[in-house]
Protein backbone atom coordinates (compact mmCIF):
# COMPACT_ATOMS: atom_id res chain seq x y z
CA UNK A 1 27.83 13.36 -20.29
CA UNK A 2 30.13 10.15 -20.08
CA UNK A 3 28.51 8.15 -17.54
CA UNK A 4 31.88 7.02 -16.26
CA UNK A 5 33.04 10.38 -15.82
CA UNK A 6 34.48 11.12 -12.30
CA UNK A 7 33.80 7.30 -11.16
CA UNK A 8 36.40 4.79 -10.89
CA UNK A 9 36.03 1.32 -12.70
CA UNK A 10 33.11 -0.53 -10.86
CA UNK A 11 33.63 -4.27 -9.68
CA UNK A 12 29.87 -4.65 -10.28
CA UNK A 13 28.89 -5.37 -13.83
CA UNK A 14 25.78 -3.74 -15.45
CA UNK A 15 22.86 -5.99 -14.50
CA UNK A 16 21.98 -8.74 -17.10
CA UNK A 17 18.95 -8.48 -18.73
CA UNK A 18 15.81 -9.87 -16.69
CA UNK A 19 13.01 -11.92 -17.35
CA UNK A 20 9.40 -10.52 -16.85
CA UNK A 21 8.79 -11.79 -13.48
CA UNK A 22 12.26 -10.55 -12.10
CA UNK A 23 11.52 -7.10 -13.59
CA UNK A 24 8.46 -7.15 -11.30
CA UNK A 25 9.10 -6.85 -7.57
CA UNK A 26 8.73 -4.05 -5.18
CA UNK A 27 6.22 -1.97 -7.35
CA UNK A 28 4.18 -4.79 -8.18
CA UNK A 29 3.91 -6.10 -4.31
CA UNK A 30 3.62 -2.57 -3.30
CA UNK A 31 0.39 -2.07 -5.55
CA UNK A 32 -1.13 -5.34 -4.77
CA UNK A 33 -0.90 -4.66 -1.06
CA UNK A 34 -2.54 -1.39 -1.37
CA UNK A 35 -5.78 -3.42 -2.10
CA UNK A 36 -5.62 -4.55 1.63
CA UNK A 37 -8.95 -5.41 3.60
CA UNK A 38 -9.28 -2.21 4.72
CA UNK A 39 -9.00 -0.93 1.21
CA UNK A 40 -11.64 -3.45 0.19
CA UNK A 41 -14.08 -2.09 2.76
CA UNK A 42 -13.61 1.48 1.59
CA UNK A 43 -14.04 0.45 -2.26
CA UNK A 44 -17.12 -1.87 -1.33
CA UNK A 45 -18.77 1.09 0.52
CA UNK A 46 -17.99 3.36 -2.51
CA UNK A 47 -20.00 0.96 -4.69
CA UNK A 48 -22.58 0.35 -2.20
CA UNK A 49 -23.41 3.75 -1.41
CA UNK A 50 -23.03 5.31 -4.98
CA UNK A 51 -23.16 2.66 -7.30
CA UNK A 52 -20.85 3.35 -10.40
CA UNK A 53 -20.38 7.31 -10.01
CA UNK A 54 -17.06 7.01 -8.21
CA UNK A 55 -15.48 4.67 -10.93
CA UNK A 56 -13.66 7.82 -12.21
CA UNK A 57 -11.82 8.34 -8.97
CA UNK A 58 -9.62 5.14 -9.65
CA UNK A 59 -8.61 6.50 -13.16
CA UNK A 60 -8.04 9.82 -11.75
CA UNK A 61 -5.72 8.81 -8.96
CA UNK A 62 -3.69 6.32 -11.00
CA UNK A 63 -1.11 8.61 -12.62
CA UNK A 64 -0.57 10.19 -9.14
CA UNK A 65 0.21 6.71 -7.51
CA UNK A 66 2.36 5.73 -10.20
CA UNK A 67 4.54 9.04 -10.11
CA UNK A 68 4.78 9.16 -6.09
CA UNK A 69 5.61 5.36 -5.98
CA UNK A 70 8.21 5.76 -8.67
CA UNK A 71 9.72 8.78 -6.80
CA UNK A 72 9.98 6.76 -3.68
CA UNK A 73 11.69 3.93 -5.58
CA UNK A 74 14.14 6.11 -7.10
CA UNK A 75 15.06 7.35 -4.04
CA UNK A 76 15.93 3.94 -2.57
CA UNK A 77 17.66 2.76 -5.65
CA UNK A 78 19.86 6.04 -5.90
CA UNK A 79 20.78 6.40 -2.14
CA UNK A 80 20.79 3.08 -1.07
CA UNK A 81 18.82 4.04 1.90
CA UNK A 82 14.93 4.22 2.61
CA UNK A 83 12.90 7.41 3.07
CA UNK A 84 13.23 7.58 6.87
CA UNK A 85 17.03 6.77 6.38
CA UNK A 86 17.30 10.06 3.89
CA UNK A 87 15.28 12.18 6.25
CA UNK A 88 17.55 11.42 9.26
CA UNK A 89 20.58 12.23 7.10
CA UNK A 90 19.42 15.42 5.47
CA UNK A 91 16.77 16.89 7.55
CA UNK A 92 15.57 17.93 11.13
CA UNK A 93 15.05 15.29 13.87
CA UNK A 94 11.92 17.34 14.63
CA UNK A 95 10.34 16.30 11.14
CA UNK A 96 11.86 12.90 11.22
CA UNK A 97 10.62 11.29 14.72
CA UNK A 98 7.04 12.75 14.54
CA UNK A 99 6.46 11.47 11.23
CA UNK A 100 7.64 7.90 12.02
CA UNK A 101 5.76 7.76 15.22
CA UNK A 102 2.41 8.68 13.34
CA UNK A 103 3.23 6.21 10.56
CA UNK A 104 3.91 3.61 13.01
CA UNK A 105 0.70 4.20 14.66
CA UNK A 106 -1.19 4.30 11.48
CA UNK A 107 0.23 1.04 10.34
CA UNK A 108 -0.43 -0.96 13.76
CA UNK A 109 -4.12 0.15 13.47
CA UNK A 110 -4.44 -0.81 9.86
CA UNK A 111 -2.76 -4.22 10.76
CA UNK A 112 -5.27 -4.95 13.53
CA UNK A 113 -8.01 -4.25 11.02
CA UNK A 114 -6.51 -6.30 8.31
CA UNK A 115 -5.75 -9.54 10.50
CA UNK A 116 -9.35 -9.30 11.78
CA UNK A 117 -10.94 -8.90 8.42
CA UNK A 118 -8.80 -12.26 7.46
CA UNK A 119 -10.28 -14.14 10.47
CA UNK A 120 -13.78 -12.99 9.79
CA UNK A 121 -13.45 -13.76 5.93
CA UNK A 122 -12.25 -17.36 6.88
CA UNK A 123 -15.09 -17.81 9.50
CA UNK A 124 -17.63 -16.84 6.74
CA UNK A 125 -16.20 -19.55 4.59
CA UNK A 126 -15.79 -22.53 6.96
CA UNK A 127 -17.57 -21.39 10.25
CA UNK A 128 -15.81 -21.36 13.53
CA UNK A 129 -14.11 -18.82 15.65
CA UNK A 130 -13.07 -15.48 13.66
CA UNK A 131 -10.53 -14.37 16.45
CA UNK A 132 -8.61 -17.79 16.57
CA UNK A 133 -8.25 -17.64 13.00
CA UNK A 134 -7.06 -14.06 13.17
CA UNK A 135 -4.23 -15.24 15.70
CA UNK A 136 -3.40 -17.88 13.33
CA UNK A 137 -2.85 -15.49 10.40
CA UNK A 138 -0.71 -13.27 12.53
CA UNK A 139 1.56 -16.29 13.60
CA UNK A 140 1.75 -17.48 10.21
CA UNK A 141 2.80 -13.90 8.76
CA UNK A 142 5.40 -13.41 11.49
CA UNK A 143 6.85 -16.79 10.88
CA UNK A 144 7.20 -16.18 7.21
CA UNK A 145 8.54 -12.85 7.62
CA UNK A 146 11.13 -13.87 10.36
CA UNK A 147 12.18 -16.95 8.90
CA UNK A 148 11.89 -17.31 5.33
CA UNK A 149 14.64 -15.53 3.13
CA UNK A 150 13.66 -12.14 1.62
CA UNK A 151 14.32 -13.49 -2.00
CA UNK A 152 12.22 -16.63 -1.60
CA UNK A 153 9.46 -14.44 0.52
CA UNK A 154 9.13 -11.84 -2.25
CA UNK A 155 8.96 -14.34 -4.69
CA UNK A 156 5.79 -16.10 -2.98
CA UNK A 157 4.23 -12.36 -2.67
CA UNK A 158 4.38 -11.87 -6.19
CA UNK A 159 2.54 -14.94 -6.83
CA UNK A 160 0.34 -14.14 -4.21
CA UNK A 161 -1.16 -11.43 -6.05
CA UNK A 162 -2.87 -13.40 -8.53
CA UNK A 163 -5.48 -13.72 -5.65
CA UNK A 164 -6.40 -10.15 -6.68
CA UNK A 165 -8.10 -11.16 -9.93
CA UNK A 166 -10.73 -13.08 -7.66
CA UNK A 167 -12.62 -9.68 -7.82
CA UNK A 168 -12.35 -9.64 -11.43
CA UNK A 169 -13.99 -12.68 -11.76
CA UNK A 170 -16.72 -11.76 -8.75
CA UNK A 171 -17.47 -8.83 -11.03
CA UNK A 172 -18.39 -10.71 -14.12
CA UNK A 173 -20.11 -13.38 -12.39
CA UNK A 174 -23.05 -10.64 -11.91
CA UNK A 175 -25.35 -8.77 -14.23
CA UNK A 176 -23.50 -5.48 -15.27
CA UNK A 177 -24.95 -2.44 -17.19
CA UNK A 178 -21.75 -1.71 -19.30
CA UNK A 179 -23.18 1.45 -20.64
CA UNK A 180 -23.55 2.97 -17.15
CA UNK A 181 -20.20 1.67 -16.42
CA UNK A 182 -18.51 3.73 -19.11
CA UNK A 183 -20.36 6.74 -18.03
CA UNK A 184 -19.01 6.40 -14.39
CA UNK A 185 -15.55 5.57 -15.60
CA UNK A 186 -15.12 8.54 -18.01
CA UNK A 187 -17.34 11.14 -16.59
CA UNK A 188 -16.44 12.65 -13.18
CA UNK A 189 -19.24 13.16 -11.12
CA UNK A 190 -19.51 15.91 -8.14
CA UNK A 191 -21.84 16.33 -5.32
CA UNK A 192 -22.45 18.70 -2.40
CA UNK A 193 -23.36 15.71 -0.22
CA UNK A 194 -20.64 15.61 2.52
CA UNK A 195 -20.88 11.91 2.88
CA UNK A 196 -19.99 11.65 -0.88
CA UNK A 197 -16.76 14.02 -0.40
CA UNK A 198 -15.95 11.62 2.51
CA UNK A 199 -16.14 8.70 0.42
CA UNK A 200 -13.94 10.27 -2.21
CA UNK A 201 -11.30 11.40 0.34
CA UNK A 202 -11.41 7.75 1.67
CA UNK A 203 -10.47 6.41 -1.65
CA UNK A 204 -7.69 8.72 -2.15
CA UNK A 205 -6.48 8.09 1.58
CA UNK A 206 -6.58 4.24 0.92
CA UNK A 207 -4.74 4.36 -2.38
CA UNK A 208 -2.29 6.81 -1.88
CA UNK A 209 -0.73 5.92 1.54
CA UNK A 210 2.22 6.88 3.34
CA UNK A 211 3.14 3.28 4.39
CA UNK A 212 3.61 2.22 0.59
CA UNK A 213 6.36 5.04 0.27
CA UNK A 214 8.38 3.73 3.09
CA UNK A 215 8.01 0.12 1.75
CA UNK A 216 8.86 0.45 -2.02
CA UNK A 217 11.78 2.62 -1.16
CA UNK A 218 13.12 0.07 1.42
CA UNK A 219 12.49 -2.80 -0.98
CA UNK A 220 14.84 -1.12 -3.52
CA UNK A 221 17.56 -1.29 -1.03
CA UNK A 222 16.67 -5.15 -0.23
CA UNK A 223 17.18 -5.73 -4.03
CA UNK A 224 20.58 -3.82 -3.90
CA UNK A 225 21.68 -6.06 -1.19
CA UNK A 226 20.06 -9.05 -2.64
CA UNK A 227 21.78 -8.90 -5.86
CA UNK A 228 25.39 -8.90 -5.99
CA UNK A 229 25.63 -7.27 -9.44
CA UNK A 230 23.45 -4.38 -8.34
CA UNK A 231 24.46 -1.23 -6.45
CA UNK A 232 23.01 1.99 -5.47
CA UNK A 233 23.13 4.40 -8.18
CA UNK A 234 25.29 6.94 -6.24
CA UNK A 235 27.85 4.41 -6.45
CA UNK A 236 27.27 2.70 -9.88
CA UNK A 237 25.75 5.39 -12.12
CA UNK A 238 26.29 3.30 -15.14
CA UNK A 239 23.08 1.17 -13.91
CA UNK A 240 20.95 4.02 -13.76
CA UNK A 241 19.17 3.28 -17.47
CA UNK A 242 18.59 -0.23 -16.67
CA UNK A 243 17.12 0.32 -13.18
CA UNK A 244 15.25 3.35 -13.70
CA UNK A 245 13.43 1.61 -16.80
CA UNK A 246 12.85 -1.55 -14.35
CA UNK A 247 11.31 0.66 -11.64
CA UNK A 248 8.90 2.52 -14.26
CA UNK A 249 7.69 -0.72 -15.69
CA UNK A 250 7.46 -2.47 -12.17
CA UNK A 251 5.81 0.69 -10.67
CA UNK A 252 3.24 1.28 -13.64
CA UNK A 253 2.39 -2.35 -13.53
CA UNK A 254 1.86 -2.72 -9.91
CA UNK A 255 -0.37 0.63 -9.65
CA UNK A 256 -2.46 -0.50 -12.65
CA UNK A 257 -2.91 -4.12 -10.88
CA UNK A 258 -3.78 -2.13 -7.84
CA UNK A 259 -6.25 0.39 -9.27
CA UNK A 260 -7.63 -2.30 -11.59
CA UNK A 261 -8.57 -4.38 -8.82
CA UNK A 262 -10.00 -1.48 -6.64
CA UNK A 263 -12.28 -0.48 -10.02
CA UNK A 264 -13.66 -4.08 -9.96
CA UNK A 265 -14.37 -4.03 -6.28
CA UNK A 266 -16.50 -0.79 -6.82
CA UNK A 267 -18.12 -2.17 -9.99
CA UNK A 268 -19.09 -5.61 -7.99
CA UNK A 269 -20.21 -3.77 -4.86
CA UNK A 270 -22.48 -1.14 -7.21
CA UNK A 271 -23.85 -4.03 -9.45
CA UNK A 272 -25.27 -6.01 -6.35
CA UNK A 273 -25.32 -4.32 -3.04
CA UNK A 274 -26.21 -0.64 -4.43
CA UNK A 275 -28.72 -2.24 -7.03
CA UNK A 276 -30.37 -3.84 -4.32
CA UNK A 277 -30.59 -0.98 -2.04
CA UNK A 278 -27.73 -2.08 0.50
CA UNK A 279 -25.82 1.30 0.71
CA UNK A 280 -23.81 1.04 4.00
CA UNK A 281 -21.29 -1.58 4.27
CA UNK A 282 -18.84 -1.30 7.39
CA UNK A 283 -16.18 -4.01 6.72
CA UNK A 284 -14.77 -6.12 3.97
CA UNK A 285 -16.26 -9.22 5.39
CA UNK A 286 -19.73 -7.41 5.54
CA UNK A 287 -19.47 -7.06 1.79
CA UNK A 288 -18.54 -10.45 1.13
CA UNK A 289 -21.54 -11.77 3.31
CA UNK A 290 -23.89 -9.12 1.48
CA UNK A 291 -22.85 -10.64 -1.68
CA UNK A 292 -23.99 -14.02 -0.77
CA UNK A 293 -27.73 -13.79 -1.44
CA UNK A 294 -27.39 -11.40 -4.35
CA UNK A 295 -24.55 -12.78 -6.22
CA UNK A 296 -24.43 -16.32 -5.18
CA UNK A 297 -21.91 -18.45 -3.44
CA UNK A 298 -19.30 -18.39 -6.38
CA UNK A 299 -18.88 -14.69 -6.15
CA UNK A 300 -19.26 -14.85 -2.23
CA UNK A 301 -16.39 -17.15 -2.01
CA UNK A 302 -14.28 -15.35 -4.48
CA UNK A 303 -14.67 -12.13 -2.46
CA UNK A 304 -13.88 -13.90 0.64
CA UNK A 305 -11.00 -15.53 -0.57
CA UNK A 306 -9.49 -12.31 -1.81
CA UNK A 307 -9.93 -10.59 1.44
CA UNK A 308 -7.52 -13.55 2.96
CA UNK A 309 -5.02 -13.11 0.01
CA UNK A 310 -4.80 -9.76 0.02
CA UNK A 311 -4.43 -9.58 3.86
CA UNK A 312 -1.51 -11.96 3.66
CA UNK A 313 0.00 -9.36 1.18
CA UNK A 314 -0.48 -6.35 3.12
CA UNK A 315 0.46 -7.43 6.70
CA UNK A 316 4.03 -7.90 6.15
CA UNK A 317 3.83 -4.64 4.14
CA UNK A 318 2.38 -2.78 6.94
CA UNK A 319 4.58 -4.28 9.50
CA UNK A 320 7.77 -4.23 7.49
CA UNK A 321 7.39 -0.35 6.47
CA UNK A 322 6.87 0.41 10.13
CA UNK A 323 9.96 -1.51 11.16
CA UNK A 324 12.07 -0.15 8.33
CA UNK A 325 11.12 3.42 9.20
CA UNK A 326 12.03 3.01 12.84
CA UNK A 327 14.93 1.03 12.14
CA UNK A 328 16.26 3.69 9.68
CA UNK A 329 15.51 6.59 11.95
CA UNK A 330 17.52 4.84 14.72
CA UNK A 331 20.22 3.71 12.75
CA UNK A 332 19.79 0.24 13.29
CA UNK A 333 20.39 -2.72 10.78
CA UNK A 334 17.34 -3.27 8.77
CA UNK A 335 16.24 -5.62 5.85
CA UNK A 336 14.00 -8.93 5.60
CA UNK A 337 17.16 -10.29 3.98
CA UNK A 338 19.14 -10.27 7.23
CA UNK A 339 18.64 -13.05 9.88
CA UNK A 340 16.76 -12.32 13.16
CA UNK A 341 20.13 -12.03 15.06
CA UNK A 342 21.53 -9.55 12.53
CA UNK A 343 18.74 -6.99 12.97
CA UNK A 344 17.12 -7.68 16.33
CA UNK A 345 15.71 -4.29 16.50
CA UNK A 346 14.17 -4.33 13.18
CA UNK A 347 12.41 -7.78 13.79
CA UNK A 348 11.41 -6.74 17.08
CA UNK A 349 9.43 -3.82 15.71
CA UNK A 350 7.79 -5.97 13.06
CA UNK A 351 7.00 -8.60 15.70
CA UNK A 352 5.35 -5.98 18.13
CA UNK A 353 3.30 -3.99 15.48
CA UNK A 354 1.82 -7.34 14.49
CA UNK A 355 1.04 -8.56 17.77
CA UNK A 356 -0.33 -4.98 18.94
CA UNK A 357 -2.44 -4.99 15.78
CA UNK A 358 -3.68 -8.65 16.50
CA UNK A 359 -4.51 -7.18 20.18
CA UNK A 360 -6.91 -4.95 18.59
CA UNK A 361 -9.44 -7.69 18.04
CA UNK A 362 -9.68 -8.86 21.37
CA UNK A 363 -12.99 -7.73 23.20
CA UNK A 364 -11.31 -7.00 26.32
CA UNK A 365 -8.70 -4.86 24.54
CA UNK A 366 -11.29 -2.93 22.90
CA UNK A 367 -13.21 -2.40 25.98
CA UNK A 368 -10.05 -1.13 27.83
CA UNK A 369 -9.12 1.23 25.23
CA UNK A 370 -12.88 2.12 24.02
CA UNK A 371 -12.30 1.42 20.29
CA UNK A 372 -13.71 -0.87 18.14
CA UNK A 373 -12.09 -1.85 14.70
CA UNK A 374 -14.34 0.65 12.69
CA UNK A 375 -13.22 3.37 15.10
CA UNK A 376 -9.79 2.15 14.88
CA UNK A 377 -9.83 2.32 10.89
CA UNK A 378 -11.34 5.94 11.33
CA UNK A 379 -8.69 7.02 13.45
CA UNK A 380 -6.32 5.51 11.07
CA UNK A 381 -7.55 7.35 8.24
CA UNK A 382 -7.14 10.63 9.83
CA UNK A 383 -3.51 9.68 10.89
CA UNK A 384 -2.65 8.93 7.11
CA UNK A 385 -4.37 11.90 5.92
CA UNK A 386 -2.36 14.06 8.32
CA UNK A 387 1.04 11.98 7.70
CA UNK A 388 0.79 11.75 4.05
CA UNK A 389 1.35 15.49 2.96
CA UNK A 390 4.29 16.55 4.81
CA UNK A 391 5.89 13.26 3.82
CA UNK A 392 4.90 13.85 0.05
CA UNK A 393 6.24 17.36 0.40
CA UNK A 394 9.51 16.19 1.79
CA UNK A 395 9.87 13.32 -0.72
CA UNK A 396 9.43 15.59 -3.63
CA UNK A 397 12.05 18.21 -2.23
CA UNK A 398 14.34 15.05 -1.66
CA UNK A 399 13.96 13.62 -5.13
CA UNK A 400 14.88 17.27 -6.50
CA UNK A 401 17.64 17.91 -4.14
CA UNK A 402 21.36 17.25 -5.51
CA UNK A 403 22.90 16.59 -2.24
CA UNK A 404 20.56 13.42 -1.63
CA UNK A 405 20.28 12.56 -5.43
CA UNK A 406 23.36 13.81 -6.95
CA UNK A 407 23.42 13.74 -10.83
CA UNK A 408 20.20 11.78 -10.39
CA UNK A 409 17.86 14.25 -9.19
CA UNK A 410 14.52 14.84 -10.88
CA UNK A 411 14.47 17.99 -13.24
CA UNK A 412 11.65 19.77 -14.01
CA UNK A 413 9.33 17.70 -16.28
CA UNK A 414 6.34 15.41 -16.15
CA UNK A 415 7.43 13.01 -13.45
CA UNK A 416 8.18 15.97 -11.27
CA UNK A 417 4.77 17.92 -12.11
CA UNK A 418 2.82 14.76 -11.63
CA UNK A 419 4.51 14.09 -8.00
CA UNK A 420 3.67 17.79 -7.10
CA UNK A 421 0.11 17.25 -8.25
CA UNK A 422 -0.38 14.19 -6.40
CA UNK A 423 0.94 16.12 -3.14
CA UNK A 424 -1.30 18.98 -3.93
CA UNK A 425 -4.21 16.71 -4.52
CA UNK A 426 -3.48 14.85 -1.15
CA UNK A 427 -3.51 17.95 0.62
CA UNK A 428 -7.03 18.93 -1.07
CA UNK A 429 -8.03 15.57 0.32
CA UNK A 430 -6.79 15.94 3.70
CA UNK A 431 -8.51 19.44 4.10
CA UNK A 432 -11.61 18.07 2.61
CA UNK A 433 -11.37 15.09 5.13
CA UNK A 434 -11.48 17.58 8.06
CA UNK A 435 -14.12 19.41 6.76
CA UNK A 436 -16.42 16.66 6.10
CA UNK A 437 -15.84 15.20 9.74
CA UNK A 438 -18.98 14.73 11.89
CA UNK A 439 -19.01 16.46 15.01
């Protein structure tokens, strides 16, 4: 079919060839933010409790993660709207508002856990009050999000992903039996133990999270607004080949980075904590502290710095995806590329979510709501398990719908099949999570 058929000549030329760094954007940042302090705690617990036997889950989840994130990105790039905006336009409000409320609730709790972990990690490194550091990190993230232009801010986030390699260095700084690693990576291990399955579910839940779908789709809309030579593909179909190629490269790279770092976190914890009989790690900073006497100051410092760096990556993504979801649902102006006065509601949600997340770390608030940070994370995992499946079903239906995607709906094939496989796996994971809950 002629790509120009039925479409008037566009005033936007096909985008010029981009450099490697320019081709990496929403997918890279999304993948890196997936290894947030809460995720680090989950991966550390997996390695501490079961050594290398759960390494295979990282390999197993990678194609599933790639597929659902690429599909989310395509929705944003084709329609010029995020996931919430498309649900509002094409589906019932009875679906939209509960999903958005649950997403924002889970993100806010996750924000609190990540901000608290950053404060605790800095306390481990230099001493002093962890809560004061947490307040400082929350303010820093807000200032950067609100007052720095999106183009510059996203550039900083790209470079900040380099901090993730601290976990690779930390793993290589300790003694590892690579034959055992190969077995744990290539041969799936199953157990009837309920805690084993709960950990498996937790790995999937922290790897394939709803906020990542919303963030990457919305960031594609930001990229459209930020580049004058680019348009939503529904308006400029001639750009499809270039943009779909970029999205796939960006997403595969970002998710590979995400799962590689998860692999090395499990590896480091398994080679140190599990090997020395430490099988229970509750938080990311506890994992870092436990490494100090076992792996030395160097590995401990790298691990703690990684917590801070990944927190700086994840907090904007968590707060931003909540703001995008509410803003699109309520037809507000959204976007980190807009000035605060141009998108008041968007920035109000972003700020409120961050501050409420910060408040969870105050002892007075914890006593008032009877929720500790660890209990909050447990609640967050349940909410994410509930929200992920219906969102993924809607995303898969949306990307196959000609009314939404026009000529760019995904036909039957590998991408669509893996997307549905990821949805089915998350359904099983959510079911397994409830079956393994302790009463």
